[in-house]
Amino acid sequence: MVNFDLATPLEDCVRDVIDIDVLRPRWMRKAACRGHGFDAWFPPGHDYGEEAEAGKLVCAACPVRAECLDYALDGRIRHGLWGGLSPMERGALLRQRAPTAKPGDTRSRHYAYGS
């Protein structure tokens, strides 16, 4: 039996989701994957082969793909598809585009944009 005195009211749950959404970067609100399931971007068993192809197709047409990829690269995220790339693909991109840091250089890297 459920004790309704201890249950969280629905409006509190909805407010929590809205508050969390406000904390996300703005580009995430425009992402093509928003509202879809997780399996295509976070495949079970970390199998980024056929299972992830559906996610990569969505990413290919996403208006914020570059921002997504930069977010994952800057954060060194080691799981999931971000910007249409698997963790191994992002690792290879990081190695390929390793920035040459200059003393005092604090600007954003913008890997996806190539600058």
Protein backbone atom coordinates (compact mmCIF):
# COMPACT_ATOMS: atom_id res chain seq x y z
CA MET A 1 0.00 0.00 0.00
CA VAL A 2 1.27 3.48 -0.91
CA ASN A 3 1.49 6.11 1.79
CA PHE A 4 0.25 9.20 -0.06
CA ASP A 5 1.45 11.47 2.73
CA LEU A 6 5.03 10.62 1.74
CA ALA A 7 4.50 10.81 -2.04
CA THR A 8 5.87 13.80 -3.94
CA PRO A 9 3.13 15.87 -5.57
CA LEU A 10 3.22 15.80 -9.38
CA GLU A 11 3.72 19.55 -9.68
CA ASP A 12 6.92 19.27 -7.58
CA CYS A 13 8.26 16.60 -9.94
CA VAL A 14 7.48 18.73 -12.98
CA ARG A 15 9.12 21.76 -11.39
CA ASP A 16 12.26 19.67 -10.69
CA VAL A 17 12.45 18.67 -14.37
CA ILE A 18 12.01 22.28 -15.46
CA ASP A 19 14.68 23.45 -12.99
CA ILE A 20 17.10 20.84 -14.29
CA ASP A 21 16.37 21.88 -17.89
CA VAL A 22 17.23 25.49 -17.04
CA LEU A 23 20.65 24.35 -15.82
CA ARG A 24 21.54 22.76 -19.16
CA PRO A 25 23.37 24.71 -21.85
CA ARG A 26 21.00 26.50 -24.23
CA TRP A 27 22.11 24.52 -27.26
CA MET A 28 20.73 21.34 -25.66
CA ARG A 29 17.20 22.71 -25.98
CA LYS A 30 17.65 22.77 -29.77
CA ALA A 31 19.19 19.30 -30.09
CA ALA A 32 17.58 16.92 -32.55
CA CYS A 33 17.93 14.04 -30.06
CA ARG A 34 15.86 15.80 -27.40
CA GLY A 35 12.84 13.75 -26.50
CA HIS A 36 14.14 10.54 -28.09
CA GLY A 37 15.18 7.45 -26.15
CA PHE A 38 18.69 6.85 -24.88
CA ASP A 39 19.64 3.54 -26.50
CA ALA A 40 20.80 5.05 -29.80
CA TRP A 41 23.16 7.48 -28.01
CA PHE A 42 24.07 5.31 -25.02
CA PRO A 43 23.87 1.77 -26.44
CA PRO A 44 23.70 -1.16 -24.03
CA GLY A 45 27.08 -2.81 -23.62
CA HIS A 46 28.77 0.25 -25.13
CA ASP A 47 28.36 -1.24 -28.61
CA TYR A 48 28.71 1.73 -30.94
CA GLY A 49 28.29 -0.34 -34.09
CA GLU A 50 24.87 -0.95 -35.65
CA GLU A 51 23.03 0.00 -32.45
CA ALA A 52 24.30 3.57 -32.65
CA GLU A 53 23.72 4.12 -36.39
CA ALA A 54 20.21 5.48 -35.74
CA GLY A 55 21.64 8.02 -33.32
CA LYS A 56 24.33 9.06 -35.77
CA LEU A 57 21.69 9.69 -38.44
CA VAL A 58 19.83 12.03 -36.10
CA CYS A 59 23.09 13.76 -35.17
CA ALA A 60 23.99 14.27 -38.83
CA ALA A 61 21.00 16.60 -39.30
CA CYS A 62 21.17 18.27 -35.86
CA PRO A 63 21.38 22.08 -35.83
CA VAL A 64 23.63 22.08 -32.73
CA ARG A 65 25.94 19.20 -33.62
CA ALA A 66 29.10 21.32 -33.38
CA GLU A 67 28.17 22.67 -29.94
CA CYS A 68 27.39 19.14 -28.77
CA LEU A 69 30.73 17.85 -29.98
CA ASP A 70 32.62 20.74 -28.38
CA TYR A 71 30.81 20.07 -25.09
CA ALA A 72 31.89 16.43 -25.10
CA LEU A 73 35.46 17.19 -26.15
CA ASP A 74 35.95 20.01 -23.65
CA GLY A 75 34.45 17.87 -20.87
CA ARG A 76 36.41 14.76 -21.93
CA ILE A 77 33.16 12.78 -21.81
CA ARG A 78 33.99 9.11 -22.28
CA HIS A 79 30.55 7.63 -22.90
CA GLY A 80 27.73 8.02 -25.39
CA LEU A 81 27.43 9.57 -28.82
CA TRP A 82 28.01 13.32 -28.77
CA GLY A 83 28.04 15.37 -31.93
CA GLY A 84 27.60 12.15 -33.87
CA LEU A 85 30.89 10.65 -32.66
CA SER A 86 31.55 7.66 -30.42
CA PRO A 87 34.04 7.87 -27.55
CA MET A 88 36.75 6.27 -29.71
CA GLU A 89 36.08 8.72 -32.58
CA ARG A 90 36.20 11.68 -30.20
CA GLY A 91 39.47 10.41 -28.72
CA ALA A 92 40.99 10.21 -32.18
CA LEU A 93 39.76 13.74 -32.96
CA LEU A 94 41.30 15.07 -29.75
CA ARG A 95 44.64 13.50 -30.59
CA GLN A 96 44.46 14.81 -34.16
CA ARG A 97 43.51 18.36 -33.21
CA ALA A 98 45.52 18.74 -30.00
CA PRO A 99 45.65 22.51 -29.49
CA THR A 100 48.97 24.18 -29.07
CA ALA A 101 48.44 26.13 -25.89
CA LYS A 102 50.14 29.46 -25.48
CA PRO A 103 50.86 30.91 -22.03
CA GLY A 104 47.84 32.90 -20.86
CA ASP A 105 45.56 31.59 -23.65
CA THR A 106 42.13 31.04 -22.07
CA ARG A 107 39.92 31.09 -25.16
CA SER A 108 37.59 28.23 -25.98
CA ARG A 109 39.00 25.53 -28.24
CA HIS A 110 36.02 25.02 -30.56
CA TYR A 111 37.24 21.69 -31.89
CA ALA A 112 34.18 21.10 -34.03
CA TYR A 113 34.59 24.40 -35.81
CA GLY A 114 38.23 23.73 -36.57
CA SER A 115 39.55 26.97 -35.07
